[in-house]
Amino acid sequence: LPLVPDWVEAAANSGLPAVPDWYLNLKSDARAHVEIDGKTIQVLAEQMPAEEAAAFWPRGLEIAPDYARYPRRAARVIPLLRLIPADRADSEPSRATWPGVT
């Protein structure tokens, strides 16, 4: 989901009870590469704080309305991760932390 100039990714795992493996990988090492419109971009992943994620969720549902069923199906909070372009992330302080994963 675009959040100019960042992107947001939902660790929904199709509503399964466990978070997706890629979320655990990013928790271990927040550096990643994403491909957008055929261009590879280095990013740094930060988990959005709960209040910010809750405020953003309705915006995400406008783009991907099928995600509305995932929190009920998963019976867990769906983490939202902000993907910040690495060239910008290096100059900004961290805005989020990684809470424990269940």
C-alpha atoms as a PDB file:
ATOM      1  CA  LEU A   1       0.000   0.000   0.000  1.00  0.00           C
ATOM      2  CA  PRO A   2       1.480   3.366  -0.899  1.00  0.00           C
ATOM      3  CA  LEU A   3       2.171   5.830   1.890  1.00  0.00           C
ATOM      4  CA  VAL A   4       4.155   8.447   0.038  1.00  0.00           C
ATOM      5  CA  PRO A   5       7.107   8.416   0.237  1.00  0.00           C
ATOM      6  CA  ASP A   6       6.944   5.074   2.122  1.00  0.00           C
ATOM      7  CA  TRP A   7       5.008   1.864   1.552  1.00  0.00           C
ATOM      8  CA  VAL A   8       3.010  -0.185   4.020  1.00  0.00           C
ATOM      9  CA  GLU A   9       2.834  -3.976   4.081  1.00  0.00           C
ATOM     10  CA  ALA A  10       0.320  -5.962   6.152  1.00  0.00           C
ATOM     11  CA  ALA A  11       1.656  -9.151   7.793  1.00  0.00           C
ATOM     12  CA  ALA A  12      -1.746 -10.762   7.321  1.00  0.00           C
ATOM     13  CA  ASN A  13      -0.665 -14.230   6.155  1.00  0.00           C
ATOM     14  CA  SER A  14      -4.120 -14.629   4.570  1.00  0.00           C
ATOM     15  CA  GLY A  15      -5.640 -14.462   8.043  1.00  0.00           C
ATOM     16  CA  LEU A  16      -3.827 -17.520   9.383  1.00  0.00           C
ATOM     17  CA  PRO A  17      -3.110 -17.602  13.143  1.00  0.00           C
ATOM     18  CA  ALA A  18       0.672 -17.267  12.701  1.00  0.00           C
ATOM     19  CA  VAL A  19       2.489 -14.258  11.275  1.00  0.00           C
ATOM     20  CA  PRO A  20       4.117 -14.867   7.874  1.00  0.00           C
ATOM     21  CA  ASP A  21       7.738 -16.006   7.743  1.00  0.00           C
ATOM     22  CA  TRP A  22       8.793 -12.845   5.911  1.00  0.00           C
ATOM     23  CA  TYR A  23       7.649 -10.827   8.946  1.00  0.00           C
ATOM     24  CA  LEU A  24       9.927 -12.891  11.191  1.00  0.00           C
ATOM     25  CA  ASN A  25      12.760 -12.410   8.703  1.00  0.00           C
ATOM     26  CA  LEU A  26      12.266  -8.630   8.783  1.00  0.00           C
ATOM     27  CA  LYS A  27      12.123  -8.711  12.557  1.00  0.00           C
ATOM     28  CA  SER A  28      15.546 -10.364  12.508  1.00  0.00           C
ATOM     29  CA  ASP A  29      16.963  -8.012   9.848  1.00  0.00           C
ATOM     30  CA  ALA A  30      14.854  -5.005   8.837  1.00  0.00           C
ATOM     31  CA  ARG A  31      16.795  -4.467   5.603  1.00  0.00           C
ATOM     32  CA  ALA A  32      15.079  -5.699   2.460  1.00  0.00           C
ATOM     33  CA  HIS A  33      14.696  -5.190  -1.256  1.00  0.00           C
ATOM     34  CA  VAL A  34      11.310  -4.645  -2.870  1.00  0.00           C
ATOM     35  CA  GLU A  35      10.399  -4.522  -6.520  1.00  0.00           C
ATOM     36  CA  ILE A  36       7.981  -1.794  -7.542  1.00  0.00           C
ATOM     37  CA  ASP A  37       7.095  -1.187 -11.171  1.00  0.00           C
ATOM     38  CA  GLY A  38      10.100  -3.266 -12.261  1.00  0.00           C
ATOM     39  CA  LYS A  39      12.533  -1.261 -10.138  1.00  0.00           C
ATOM     40  CA  THR A  40      14.364  -2.821  -7.168  1.00  0.00           C
ATOM     41  CA  ILE A  41      14.508  -0.547  -4.132  1.00  0.00           C
ATOM     42  CA  GLN A  42      16.390  -1.109  -0.878  1.00  0.00           C
ATOM     43  CA  VAL A  43      14.162  -0.454   2.129  1.00  0.00           C
ATOM     44  CA  LEU A  44      14.211  -0.563   5.897  1.00  0.00           C
ATOM     45  CA  ALA A  45      11.105  -2.090   7.528  1.00  0.00           C
ATOM     46  CA  GLU A  46       9.643  -0.583  10.685  1.00  0.00           C
ATOM     47  CA  GLN A  47       6.561  -1.860  12.439  1.00  0.00           C
ATOM     48  CA  MET A  48       3.942   0.853  12.779  1.00  0.00           C
ATOM     49  CA  PRO A  49       2.967   1.617  16.392  1.00  0.00           C
ATOM     50  CA  ALA A  50      -0.447   0.187  17.319  1.00  0.00           C
ATOM     51  CA  GLU A  51      -2.231   3.549  17.304  1.00  0.00           C
ATOM     52  CA  GLU A  52      -0.822   4.522  13.903  1.00  0.00           C
ATOM     53  CA  ALA A  53      -1.581   1.087  12.441  1.00  0.00           C
ATOM     54  CA  ALA A  54      -5.180   1.243  13.694  1.00  0.00           C
ATOM     55  CA  ALA A  55      -5.608   4.677  12.119  1.00  0.00           C
ATOM     56  CA  PHE A  56      -4.088   3.462   8.819  1.00  0.00           C
ATOM     57  CA  TRP A  57      -6.058   0.177   8.588  1.00  0.00           C
ATOM     58  CA  PRO A  58      -9.247   1.738   7.082  1.00  0.00           C
ATOM     59  CA  ARG A  59      -7.130   3.366   4.362  1.00  0.00           C
ATOM     60  CA  GLY A  60      -5.622  -0.017   3.531  1.00  0.00           C
ATOM     61  CA  LEU A  61      -9.079  -1.571   3.325  1.00  0.00           C
ATOM     62  CA  GLU A  62     -10.029   0.980   0.664  1.00  0.00           C
ATOM     63  CA  ILE A  63      -7.283  -0.506  -1.517  1.00  0.00           C
ATOM     64  CA  ALA A  64      -7.625  -4.154  -0.413  1.00  0.00           C
ATOM     65  CA  PRO A  65     -11.148  -4.687   1.043  1.00  0.00           C
ATOM     66  CA  ASP A  66     -10.658  -8.476   1.301  1.00  0.00           C
ATOM     67  CA  TYR A  67      -8.229  -7.853   4.179  1.00  0.00           C
ATOM     68  CA  ALA A  68     -11.203  -6.921   6.391  1.00  0.00           C
ATOM     69  CA  ARG A  69     -11.806 -10.590   7.214  1.00  0.00           C
ATOM     70  CA  TYR A  70      -8.194 -11.369   8.178  1.00  0.00           C
ATOM     71  CA  PRO A  71      -8.133 -10.005  11.757  1.00  0.00           C
ATOM     72  CA  ARG A  72     -11.259 -12.011  12.663  1.00  0.00           C
ATOM     73  CA  ARG A  73      -9.959 -15.144  10.991  1.00  0.00           C
ATOM     74  CA  ALA A  74      -6.464 -14.824  12.485  1.00  0.00           C
ATOM     75  CA  ALA A  75      -7.659 -13.861  15.981  1.00  0.00           C
ATOM     76  CA  ARG A  76      -4.541 -11.677  16.277  1.00  0.00           C
ATOM     77  CA  VAL A  77      -3.528  -8.143  15.515  1.00  0.00           C
ATOM     78  CA  ILE A  78      -2.270  -7.862  11.942  1.00  0.00           C
ATOM     79  CA  PRO A  79       1.081  -6.033  12.079  1.00  0.00           C
ATOM     80  CA  LEU A  80       1.565  -3.213   9.576  1.00  0.00           C
ATOM     81  CA  LEU A  81       5.104  -2.463   8.464  1.00  0.00           C
ATOM     82  CA  ARG A  82       6.303   0.761   6.937  1.00  0.00           C
ATOM     83  CA  LEU A  83       8.897   0.206   4.207  1.00  0.00           C
ATOM     84  CA  ILE A  84      11.181   3.225   4.075  1.00  0.00           C
ATOM     85  CA  PRO A  85      13.585   3.701   1.167  1.00  0.00           C
ATOM     86  CA  ALA A  86      17.051   2.961   2.582  1.00  0.00           C
ATOM     87  CA  ASP A  87      18.568   6.195   1.312  1.00  0.00           C
ATOM     88  CA  ARG A  88      16.050   8.117   3.424  1.00  0.00           C
ATOM     89  CA  ALA A  89      15.961   5.714   6.387  1.00  0.00           C
ATOM     90  CA  ASP A  90      19.654   6.264   7.084  1.00  0.00           C
ATOM     91  CA  SER A  91      19.008   9.922   7.835  1.00  0.00           C
ATOM     92  CA  GLU A  92      15.922   9.482  10.033  1.00  0.00           C
ATOM     93  CA  PRO A  93      15.633   8.134  13.581  1.00  0.00           C
ATOM     94  CA  SER A  94      13.663   4.950  14.107  1.00  0.00           C
ATOM     95  CA  ARG A  95       9.980   5.670  14.671  1.00  0.00           C
ATOM     96  CA  ALA A  96       8.813   2.233  15.703  1.00  0.00           C
ATOM     97  CA  THR A  97       9.840  -0.849  17.628  1.00  0.00           C
ATOM     98  CA  TRP A  98       9.294  -4.557  17.116  1.00  0.00           C
ATOM     99  CA  PRO A  99       6.951  -5.880  19.784  1.00  0.00           C
ATOM    100  CA  GLY A 100       6.980  -9.528  20.774  1.00  0.00           C
ATOM    101  CA  VAL A 101       5.550 -11.917  18.213  1.00  0.00           C
ATOM    102  CA  THR A 102       3.064 -14.598  19.179  1.00  0.00           C
END
